[in-house]
Protein backbone atom coordinates (compact mmCIF):
# COMPACT_ATOMS: atom_id res chain seq x y z
CA MET A 1 6.60 -20.52 3.05
CA SER A 2 5.75 -19.58 6.65
CA SER A 3 5.72 -15.89 7.64
CA SER A 4 3.77 -16.13 10.83
CA SER A 5 6.64 -14.59 12.77
CA TYR A 6 6.33 -11.36 10.73
CA GLU A 7 6.31 -8.46 13.23
CA TYR A 8 5.83 -5.30 11.16
CA THR A 9 2.59 -3.30 11.20
CA SER A 10 1.36 -1.20 8.31
CA GLN A 11 1.33 2.47 9.09
CA LEU A 12 0.41 5.83 7.62
CA ILE A 13 3.16 8.40 7.49
CA GLU A 14 3.31 12.05 6.34
CA ILE A 15 6.20 12.98 3.99
CA SER A 16 7.89 16.39 3.65
CA GLU A 17 6.23 18.98 1.53
CA LEU A 18 7.90 22.04 0.18
CA GLY A 19 6.10 24.79 -1.62
CA ASP A 20 5.73 28.42 -2.57
CA GLU A 21 3.73 30.42 -5.03
CA ARG A 22 4.99 28.14 -7.87
CA GLY A 23 3.28 24.98 -6.34
CA MET A 24 4.13 22.12 -4.07
CA LEU A 25 6.75 19.36 -4.09
CA ALA A 26 6.50 16.16 -2.05
CA VAL A 27 9.61 14.06 -1.53
CA ILE A 28 9.92 10.26 -0.72
CA GLU A 29 13.35 8.88 -0.10
CA GLU A 30 14.16 5.24 0.56
CA HIS A 31 15.61 4.56 3.93
CA GLU A 32 14.63 8.08 5.03
CA ASP A 33 10.84 7.99 4.48
CA LEU A 34 10.52 4.32 3.45
CA PRO A 35 11.92 1.46 5.44
CA PHE A 36 12.88 -0.44 2.22
CA GLU A 37 14.73 -0.13 -1.00
CA ILE A 38 12.47 0.62 -4.05
CA LYS A 39 12.70 -2.12 -6.70
CA ARG A 40 9.48 -1.47 -8.57
CA VAL A 41 7.05 1.47 -9.27
CA PHE A 42 3.60 1.32 -10.72
CA TYR A 43 0.36 3.17 -10.58
CA ILE A 44 -3.38 2.52 -10.69
CA TYR A 45 -5.65 4.88 -12.49
CA GLY A 46 -8.98 4.95 -14.34
CA THR A 47 -10.67 2.73 -11.77
CA ARG A 48 -14.42 3.21 -11.35
CA GLN A 49 -15.59 4.00 -7.79
CA ASP A 50 -17.67 0.77 -7.59
CA ILE A 51 -14.64 -1.47 -8.32
CA ARG A 52 -12.51 -3.06 -5.66
CA ARG A 53 -8.84 -4.00 -6.34
CA GLY A 54 -6.10 -5.93 -4.58
CA PHE A 55 -7.55 -8.91 -2.69
CA HIS A 56 -4.18 -10.27 -1.79
CA ALA A 57 -1.22 -10.21 0.64
CA HIS A 58 2.48 -10.96 0.16
CA TYR A 59 5.12 -13.22 1.53
CA LYS A 60 7.92 -10.70 1.33
CA THR A 61 6.95 -7.56 -0.66
CA ARG A 62 6.50 -4.30 1.25
CA GLN A 63 4.83 -1.35 -0.51
CA ALA A 64 4.16 2.35 -0.11
CA LEU A 65 0.82 3.68 -1.41
CA VAL A 66 0.28 7.33 -2.32
CA ALA A 67 -2.79 8.90 -3.84
CA VAL A 68 -0.85 11.39 -5.98
CA ALA A 69 -4.24 12.62 -7.33
CA GLY A 70 -7.76 12.13 -6.07
CA SER A 71 -8.53 9.67 -3.33
CA CYS A 72 -9.26 6.01 -2.46
CA LYS A 73 -9.64 3.80 0.62
CA VAL A 74 -7.51 0.87 1.58
CA TYR A 75 -8.94 -1.97 3.62
CA LEU A 76 -6.22 -3.80 5.75
CA ASP A 77 -6.59 -7.12 7.48
CA ASN A 78 -3.52 -8.73 9.23
CA ALA A 79 -5.57 -11.53 10.80
CA LYS A 80 -5.49 -9.62 14.20
CA ARG A 81 -7.08 -6.27 13.28
CA ASN A 82 -8.95 -4.80 10.30
CA THR A 83 -8.90 -1.16 9.40
CA ASP A 84 -9.80 1.17 6.59
CA VAL A 85 -7.36 3.93 5.61
CA LEU A 86 -8.31 6.96 3.50
CA LEU A 87 -5.62 8.18 1.12
CA ASP A 88 -6.58 11.66 0.00
CA ASN A 89 -3.48 13.70 0.19
CA PRO A 90 -0.18 13.25 -1.80
CA ALA A 91 1.77 13.89 1.44
CA LYS A 92 0.19 10.81 3.15
CA VAL A 93 1.86 7.47 2.45
CA LEU A 94 0.60 4.18 3.57
CA ILE A 95 3.48 1.75 4.33
CA LEU A 96 1.96 -1.63 3.49
CA GLU A 97 3.55 -4.74 5.09
CA PRO A 98 3.38 -8.15 3.50
CA ASN A 99 1.15 -9.54 6.30
CA ASP A 100 -1.69 -7.21 5.42
CA TRP A 101 -4.44 -8.54 3.16
CA HIS A 102 -5.38 -5.35 1.33
CA GLU A 103 -8.17 -4.11 -0.90
CA MET A 104 -8.37 -0.69 -2.52
CA TYR A 105 -11.84 0.74 -3.11
CA ASP A 106 -13.95 3.88 -3.33
CA PHE A 107 -11.70 5.40 -6.03
CA SER A 108 -12.47 9.05 -6.98
CA SER A 109 -12.71 9.52 -10.72
CA ASP A 110 -9.45 11.35 -10.78
CA CYS A 111 -7.48 8.92 -8.44
CA VAL A 112 -3.84 8.03 -9.43
CA LEU A 113 -2.58 5.58 -6.80
CA LEU A 114 1.22 5.36 -6.89
CA VAL A 115 2.76 2.14 -5.48
CA LEU A 116 6.46 1.87 -4.54
CA ALA A 117 7.44 -1.83 -3.98
CA SER A 118 10.43 -3.42 -2.26
CA HIS A 119 10.59 -6.37 -4.79
CA LEU A 120 10.22 -6.97 -8.43
CA TYR A 121 7.02 -8.66 -9.54
CA ASP A 122 6.91 -12.29 -8.61
CA ALA A 123 3.66 -14.26 -8.95
CA GLU A 124 4.85 -16.68 -6.22
CA ASP A 125 5.04 -13.79 -3.73
CA TYR A 126 1.28 -13.14 -3.89
CA ILE A 127 -1.23 -14.78 -1.48
CA ARG A 128 -4.50 -14.54 -3.44
CA ASP A 129 -6.57 -16.95 -1.39
CA TYR A 130 -7.84 -15.62 1.95
CA SER A 131 -7.82 -19.06 3.65
CA VAL A 132 -4.11 -19.49 2.76
CA PHE A 133 -3.44 -15.97 4.07
CA LEU A 134 -5.07 -17.04 7.44
CA GLU A 135 -2.91 -20.22 7.43
CA VAL A 136 0.26 -18.07 6.85
CA TYR A 137 -0.50 -15.12 9.15
CA GLY A 138 -3.41 -16.16 11.36
CA SER A 139 -1.49 -17.75 14.13
């Protein structure tokens, strides 16, 4: 499955926050804030600070990552650039494209990382071998 023509770039966006003396409310709407339809929702929590997670890219799945509590960092590598993104505010959303090898790390003890995905889980959609990732997206 070749995806070398994939043109999207992962980006960090800010979503709308509403609040008053009762507290805050952050809103994420598909096709308004997210450039895809949400098919799956999951969250990562209870991860020790010295643990790295992820270590993969996708052929088709796009994701939105939000640290709804605490913080973590996300390492991104699209074979043309590498960057680290700090997620430390529930109003910051990382739109993660399939062509980004990603690793989550430096989790705070209270981190809850919410993930909204464009596709249902499919083991065949995961690229877990970095050399295969470079073959698919490196050209």
